Amino acid sequence: MNKNMSSLDRILRVVAATVFAYLYFSGAVTGTLGIVLVVLGAVFLLTSLIGFCPLYTPFHFSTKKSE
């Protein structure tokens, strides 16, 4: 599994996950939309930690500069 995410991509995903968690746990977003945001935030956080996005693979897309 090769990394396919740049540092900027990873940072933006962590920021988005943080915002989603804040919106849900502050009560600003509730119900189904809140649960979807928390799950999406968890996926963003996980993919940013490992540096690999499986959705990029079928499209041969990478935000990481080639070495």
PDB file of N, CA and C in Angstrom:
ATOM      1  N   MET A   1       0.852  -1.167   0.000  1.00  0.00           N
ATOM      2  CA  MET A   1       0.000   0.000   0.000  1.00  0.00           C
ATOM      3  C   MET A   1       0.903   1.237   0.000  1.00  0.00           C
ATOM      4  N   ASN A   2       0.960   1.919  -1.111  1.00  0.00           N
ATOM      5  CA  ASN A   2       1.777   3.118  -1.238  1.00  0.00           C
ATOM      6  C   ASN A   2       0.979   4.334  -0.786  1.00  0.00           C
ATOM      7  N   LYS A   3       1.658   5.258  -0.143  1.00  0.00           N
ATOM      8  CA  LYS A   3       0.991   6.485   0.288  1.00  0.00           C
ATOM      9  C   LYS A   3       0.643   7.309  -0.944  1.00  0.00           C
ATOM     10  N   ASN A   4      -0.562   7.877  -0.936  1.00  0.00           N
ATOM     11  CA  ASN A   4      -0.987   8.671  -2.077  1.00  0.00           C
ATOM     12  C   ASN A   4      -1.583  10.017  -1.658  1.00  0.00           C
ATOM     13  N   MET A   5      -1.243  10.460  -0.446  1.00  0.00           N
ATOM     14  CA  MET A   5      -1.769  11.723   0.055  1.00  0.00           C
ATOM     15  C   MET A   5      -0.636  12.651   0.450  1.00  0.00           C
ATOM     16  N   SER A   6      -0.752  13.917   0.047  1.00  0.00           N
ATOM     17  CA  SER A   6       0.252  14.901   0.418  1.00  0.00           C
ATOM     18  C   SER A   6       0.010  15.370   1.852  1.00  0.00           C
ATOM     19  N   SER A   7       0.963  16.099   2.371  1.00  0.00           N
ATOM     20  CA  SER A   7       0.837  16.639   3.731  1.00  0.00           C
ATOM     21  C   SER A   7      -0.350  17.592   3.829  1.00  0.00           C
ATOM     22  N   LEU A   8      -0.534  18.420   2.818  1.00  0.00           N
ATOM     23  CA  LEU A   8      -1.656  19.359   2.825  1.00  0.00           C
ATOM     24  C   LEU A   8      -2.986  18.618   2.828  1.00  0.00           C
ATOM     25  N   ASP A   9      -3.099  17.591   2.022  1.00  0.00           N
ATOM     26  CA  ASP A   9      -4.310  16.772   1.970  1.00  0.00           C
ATOM     27  C   ASP A   9      -4.598  16.162   3.339  1.00  0.00           C
ATOM     28  N   ARG A  10      -3.566  15.661   3.984  1.00  0.00           N
ATOM     29  CA  ARG A  10      -3.726  15.029   5.289  1.00  0.00           C
ATOM     30  C   ARG A  10      -4.141  16.057   6.350  1.00  0.00           C
ATOM     31  N   ILE A  11      -3.538  17.238   6.316  1.00  0.00           N
ATOM     32  CA  ILE A  11      -3.885  18.284   7.286  1.00  0.00           C
ATOM     33  C   ILE A  11      -5.323  18.736   7.097  1.00  0.00           C
ATOM     34  N   LEU A  12      -5.740  18.926   5.846  1.00  0.00           N
ATOM     35  CA  LEU A  12      -7.120  19.350   5.583  1.00  0.00           C
ATOM     36  C   LEU A  12      -8.133  18.311   6.056  1.00  0.00           C
ATOM     37  N   ARG A  13      -7.799  17.044   5.932  1.00  0.00           N
ATOM     38  CA  ARG A  13      -8.694  15.992   6.405  1.00  0.00           C
ATOM     39  C   ARG A  13      -8.801  15.982   7.931  1.00  0.00           C
ATOM     40  N   VAL A  14      -7.699  16.231   8.618  1.00  0.00           N
ATOM     41  CA  VAL A  14      -7.734  16.291  10.085  1.00  0.00           C
ATOM     42  C   VAL A  14      -8.560  17.494  10.532  1.00  0.00           C
ATOM     43  N   VAL A  15      -8.394  18.622   9.850  1.00  0.00           N
ATOM     44  CA  VAL A  15      -9.186  19.815  10.186  1.00  0.00           C
ATOM     45  C   VAL A  15     -10.666  19.549   9.944  1.00  0.00           C
ATOM     46  N   ALA A  16     -11.008  18.937   8.824  1.00  0.00           N
ATOM     47  CA  ALA A  16     -12.407  18.625   8.532  1.00  0.00           C
ATOM     48  C   ALA A  16     -12.977  17.663   9.575  1.00  0.00           C
ATOM     49  N   ALA A  17     -12.217  16.656   9.964  1.00  0.00           N
ATOM     50  CA  ALA A  17     -12.678  15.705  10.973  1.00  0.00           C
ATOM     51  C   ALA A  17     -12.910  16.400  12.305  1.00  0.00           C
ATOM     52  N   THR A  18     -12.043  17.346  12.646  1.00  0.00           N
ATOM     53  CA  THR A  18     -12.198  18.101  13.886  1.00  0.00           C
ATOM     54  C   THR A  18     -13.457  18.961  13.853  1.00  0.00           C
ATOM     55  N   VAL A  19     -13.697  19.606  12.724  1.00  0.00           N
ATOM     56  CA  VAL A  19     -14.900  20.436  12.576  1.00  0.00           C
ATOM     57  C   VAL A  19     -16.154  19.572  12.659  1.00  0.00           C
ATOM     58  N   PHE A  20     -16.150  18.431  11.994  1.00  0.00           N
ATOM     59  CA  PHE A  20     -17.305  17.533  12.039  1.00  0.00           C
ATOM     60  C   PHE A  20     -17.576  17.068  13.465  1.00  0.00           C
ATOM     61  N   ALA A  21     -16.530  16.704  14.191  1.00  0.00           N
ATOM     62  CA  ALA A  21     -16.698  16.257  15.575  1.00  0.00           C
ATOM     63  C   ALA A  21     -17.234  17.384  16.439  1.00  0.00           C
ATOM     64  N   TYR A  22     -16.711  18.587  16.259  1.00  0.00           N
ATOM     65  CA  TYR A  22     -17.199  19.737  17.036  1.00  0.00           C
ATOM     66  C   TYR A  22     -18.673  20.009  16.757  1.00  0.00           C
ATOM     67  N   LEU A  23     -19.060  19.981  15.492  1.00  0.00           N
ATOM     68  CA  LEU A  23     -20.457  20.234  15.141  1.00  0.00           C
ATOM     69  C   LEU A  23     -21.388  19.202  15.769  1.00  0.00           C
ATOM     70  N   TYR A  24     -20.950  17.951  15.765  1.00  0.00           N
ATOM     71  CA  TYR A  24     -21.802  16.893  16.331  1.00  0.00           C
ATOM     72  C   TYR A  24     -21.866  16.975  17.851  1.00  0.00           C
ATOM     73  N   PHE A  25     -20.722  17.065  18.501  1.00  0.00           N
ATOM     74  CA  PHE A  25     -20.694  17.018  19.963  1.00  0.00           C
ATOM     75  C   PHE A  25     -21.155  18.316  20.616  1.00  0.00           C
ATOM     76  N   SER A  26     -21.186  19.408  19.866  1.00  0.00           N
ATOM     77  CA  SER A  26     -21.738  20.654  20.412  1.00  0.00           C
ATOM     78  C   SER A  26     -23.254  20.703  20.247  1.00  0.00           C
ATOM     79  N   GLY A  27     -23.797  19.781  19.468  1.00  0.00           N
ATOM     80  CA  GLY A  27     -25.240  19.731  19.270  1.00  0.00           C
ATOM     81  C   GLY A  27     -25.720  20.573  18.112  1.00  0.00           C
ATOM     82  N   ALA A  28     -24.804  21.156  17.343  1.00  0.00           N
ATOM     83  CA  ALA A  28     -25.198  21.981  16.202  1.00  0.00           C
ATOM     84  C   ALA A  28     -25.798  21.130  15.084  1.00  0.00           C
ATOM     85  N   VAL A  29     -25.302  19.912  14.938  1.00  0.00           N
ATOM     86  CA  VAL A  29     -25.823  18.978  13.937  1.00  0.00           C
ATOM     87  C   VAL A  29     -26.199  17.695  14.673  1.00  0.00           C
ATOM     88  N   THR A  30     -27.430  17.265  14.500  1.00  0.00           N
ATOM     89  CA  THR A  30     -27.904  16.068  15.197  1.00  0.00           C
ATOM     90  C   THR A  30     -28.574  15.122  14.210  1.00  0.00           C
ATOM     91  N   GLY A  31     -29.011  14.011  14.714  1.00  0.00           N
ATOM     92  CA  GLY A  31     -29.747  13.051  13.900  1.00  0.00           C
ATOM     93  C   GLY A  31     -28.861  12.326  12.912  1.00  0.00           C
ATOM     94  N   THR A  32     -29.475  11.954  11.813  1.00  0.00           N
ATOM     95  CA  THR A  32     -28.785  11.166  10.790  1.00  0.00           C
ATOM     96  C   THR A  32     -27.609  11.930  10.197  1.00  0.00           C
ATOM     97  N   LEU A  33     -27.800  13.206   9.917  1.00  0.00           N
ATOM     98  CA  LEU A  33     -26.709  14.004   9.361  1.00  0.00           C
ATOM     99  C   LEU A  33     -25.522  14.065  10.317  1.00  0.00           C
ATOM    100  N   GLY A  34     -25.786  14.177  11.592  1.00  0.00           N
ATOM    101  CA  GLY A  34     -24.719  14.194  12.586  1.00  0.00           C
ATOM    102  C   GLY A  34     -23.945  12.898  12.604  1.00  0.00           C
ATOM    103  N   ILE A  35     -24.646  11.785  12.531  1.00  0.00           N
ATOM    104  CA  ILE A  35     -23.984  10.478  12.527  1.00  0.00           C
ATOM    105  C   ILE A  35     -23.152  10.308  11.260  1.00  0.00           C
ATOM    106  N   VAL A  36     -23.689  10.740  10.132  1.00  0.00           N
ATOM    107  CA  VAL A  36     -22.947  10.654   8.874  1.00  0.00           C
ATOM    108  C   VAL A  36     -21.674  11.496   8.956  1.00  0.00           C
ATOM    109  N   LEU A  37     -21.761  12.690   9.534  1.00  0.00           N
ATOM    110  CA  LEU A  37     -20.577  13.539   9.668  1.00  0.00           C
ATOM    111  C   LEU A  37     -19.532  12.914  10.588  1.00  0.00           C
ATOM    112  N   VAL A  38     -19.960  12.289  11.664  1.00  0.00           N
ATOM    113  CA  VAL A  38     -19.007  11.650  12.577  1.00  0.00           C
ATOM    114  C   VAL A  38     -18.315  10.476  11.887  1.00  0.00           C
ATOM    115  N   VAL A  39     -19.060   9.680  11.147  1.00  0.00           N
ATOM    116  CA  VAL A  39     -18.461   8.548  10.427  1.00  0.00           C
ATOM    117  C   VAL A  39     -17.498   9.054   9.358  1.00  0.00           C
ATOM    118  N   LEU A  40     -17.910  10.078   8.614  1.00  0.00           N
ATOM    119  CA  LEU A  40     -17.044  10.651   7.595  1.00  0.00           C
ATOM    120  C   LEU A  40     -15.784  11.248   8.223  1.00  0.00           C
ATOM    121  N   GLY A  41     -15.940  11.890   9.352  1.00  0.00           N
ATOM    122  CA  GLY A  41     -14.789  12.426  10.070  1.00  0.00           C
ATOM    123  C   GLY A  41     -13.837  11.336  10.518  1.00  0.00           C
ATOM    124  N   ALA A  42     -14.390  10.213  10.973  1.00  0.00           N
ATOM    125  CA  ALA A  42     -13.551   9.088  11.388  1.00  0.00           C
ATOM    126  C   ALA A  42     -12.776   8.529  10.198  1.00  0.00           C
ATOM    127  N   VAL A  43     -13.425   8.437   9.053  1.00  0.00           N
ATOM    128  CA  VAL A  43     -12.748   7.951   7.846  1.00  0.00           C
ATOM    129  C   VAL A  43     -11.649   8.932   7.435  1.00  0.00           C
ATOM    130  N   PHE A  44     -11.954  10.233   7.477  1.00  0.00           N
ATOM    131  CA  PHE A  44     -10.942  11.247   7.152  1.00  0.00           C
ATOM    132  C   PHE A  44      -9.749  11.135   8.088  1.00  0.00           C
ATOM    133  N   LEU A  45     -10.017  10.973   9.365  1.00  0.00           N
ATOM    134  CA  LEU A  45      -8.932  10.876  10.340  1.00  0.00           C
ATOM    135  C   LEU A  45      -8.085   9.627  10.103  1.00  0.00           C
ATOM    136  N   LEU A  46      -8.733   8.506   9.868  1.00  0.00           N
ATOM    137  CA  LEU A  46      -8.007   7.259   9.626  1.00  0.00           C
ATOM    138  C   LEU A  46      -7.152   7.342   8.369  1.00  0.00           C
ATOM    139  N   THR A  47      -7.729   7.835   7.284  1.00  0.00           N
ATOM    140  CA  THR A  47      -6.963   7.916   6.038  1.00  0.00           C
ATOM    141  C   THR A  47      -5.816   8.915   6.146  1.00  0.00           C
ATOM    142  N   SER A  48      -6.011   9.981   6.918  1.00  0.00           N
ATOM    143  CA  SER A  48      -4.915  10.941   7.072  1.00  0.00           C
ATOM    144  C   SER A  48      -3.791  10.369   7.932  1.00  0.00           C
ATOM    145  N   LEU A  49      -4.130   9.534   8.894  1.00  0.00           N
ATOM    146  CA  LEU A  49      -3.098   8.925   9.732  1.00  0.00           C
ATOM    147  C   LEU A  49      -2.246   7.921   8.964  1.00  0.00           C
ATOM    148  N   ILE A  50      -2.870   7.157   8.071  1.00  0.00           N
ATOM    149  CA  ILE A  50      -2.105   6.162   7.320  1.00  0.00           C
ATOM    150  C   ILE A  50      -1.561   6.725   6.008  1.00  0.00           C
ATOM    151  N   GLY A  51      -2.084   7.879   5.557  1.00  0.00           N
ATOM    152  CA  GLY A  51      -1.566   8.510   4.343  1.00  0.00           C
ATOM    153  C   GLY A  51      -2.013   7.857   3.061  1.00  0.00           C
ATOM    154  N   PHE A  52      -3.059   7.075   3.128  1.00  0.00           N
ATOM    155  CA  PHE A  52      -3.541   6.345   1.955  1.00  0.00           C
ATOM    156  C   PHE A  52      -5.049   6.496   1.842  1.00  0.00           C
ATOM    157  N   CYS A  53      -5.522   6.907   0.676  1.00  0.00           N
ATOM    158  CA  CYS A  53      -6.962   7.010   0.430  1.00  0.00           C
ATOM    159  C   CYS A  53      -7.351   5.961  -0.608  1.00  0.00           C
ATOM    160  N   PRO A  54      -8.174   4.986  -0.237  1.00  0.00           N
ATOM    161  CA  PRO A  54      -8.533   3.928  -1.183  1.00  0.00           C
ATOM    162  C   PRO A  54      -9.355   4.430  -2.369  1.00  0.00           C
ATOM    163  N   LEU A  55     -10.040   5.549  -2.229  1.00  0.00           N
ATOM    164  CA  LEU A  55     -10.824   6.074  -3.347  1.00  0.00           C
ATOM    165  C   LEU A  55      -9.943   6.683  -4.439  1.00  0.00           C
ATOM    166  N   TYR A  56      -8.728   7.032  -4.104  1.00  0.00           N
ATOM    167  CA  TYR A  56      -7.812   7.571  -5.110  1.00  0.00           C
ATOM    168  C   TYR A  56      -7.298   6.470  -6.038  1.00  0.00           C
ATOM    169  N   THR A  57      -7.207   5.258  -5.559  1.00  0.00           N
ATOM    170  CA  THR A  57      -6.585   4.158  -6.294  1.00  0.00           C
ATOM    171  C   THR A  57      -7.276   3.824  -7.619  1.00  0.00           C
ATOM    172  N   PRO A  58      -8.608   3.636  -7.662  1.00  0.00           N
ATOM    173  CA  PRO A  58      -9.217   3.262  -8.952  1.00  0.00           C
ATOM    174  C   PRO A  58      -9.071   4.347 -10.020  1.00  0.00           C
ATOM    175  N   PHE A  59      -8.884   5.594  -9.594  1.00  0.00           N
ATOM    176  CA  PHE A  59      -8.764   6.691 -10.540  1.00  0.00           C
ATOM    177  C   PHE A  59      -7.307   7.064 -10.820  1.00  0.00           C
ATOM    178  N   HIS A  60      -6.379   6.297 -10.234  1.00  0.00           N
ATOM    179  CA  HIS A  60      -4.943   6.549 -10.386  1.00  0.00           C
ATOM    180  C   HIS A  60      -4.613   7.998 -10.038  1.00  0.00           C
ATOM    181  N   PHE A  61      -5.166   8.452  -8.921  1.00  0.00           N
ATOM    182  CA  PHE A  61      -5.018   9.827  -8.467  1.00  0.00           C
ATOM    183  C   PHE A  61      -4.124   9.850  -7.234  1.00  0.00           C
ATOM    184  N   SER A  62      -3.273  10.845  -7.145  1.00  0.00           N
ATOM    185  CA  SER A  62      -2.417  11.003  -5.984  1.00  0.00           C
ATOM    186  C   SER A  62      -2.126  12.483  -5.784  1.00  0.00           C
ATOM    187  N   THR A  63      -2.184  12.932  -4.525  1.00  0.00           N
ATOM    188  CA  THR A  63      -1.838  14.314  -4.232  1.00  0.00           C
ATOM    189  C   THR A  63      -0.397  14.410  -3.754  1.00  0.00           C
ATOM    190  N   LYS A  64       0.251  13.281  -3.598  1.00  0.00           N
ATOM    191  CA  LYS A  64       1.643  13.250  -3.146  1.00  0.00           C
ATOM    192  C   LYS A  64       2.550  13.429  -4.362  1.00  0.00           C
ATOM    193  N   LYS A  65       3.557  14.269  -4.177  1.00  0.00           N
ATOM    194  CA  LYS A  65       4.512  14.478  -5.264  1.00  0.00           C
ATOM    195  C   LYS A  65       5.329  13.216  -5.465  1.00  0.00           C
ATOM    196  N   SER A  66       5.584  12.894  -6.708  1.00  0.00           N
ATOM    197  CA  SER A  66       6.389  11.695  -6.988  1.00  0.00           C
ATOM    198  C   SER A  66       7.837  11.937  -6.582  1.00  0.00           C
ATOM    199  N   GLU A  67       8.457  10.893  -6.136  1.00  0.00           N
ATOM    200  CA  GLU A  67       9.837  11.005  -5.646  1.00  0.00           C
ATOM    201  C   GLU A  67      10.842  10.778  -6.729  1.00  0.00           C
TER     202      GLU A  67
END
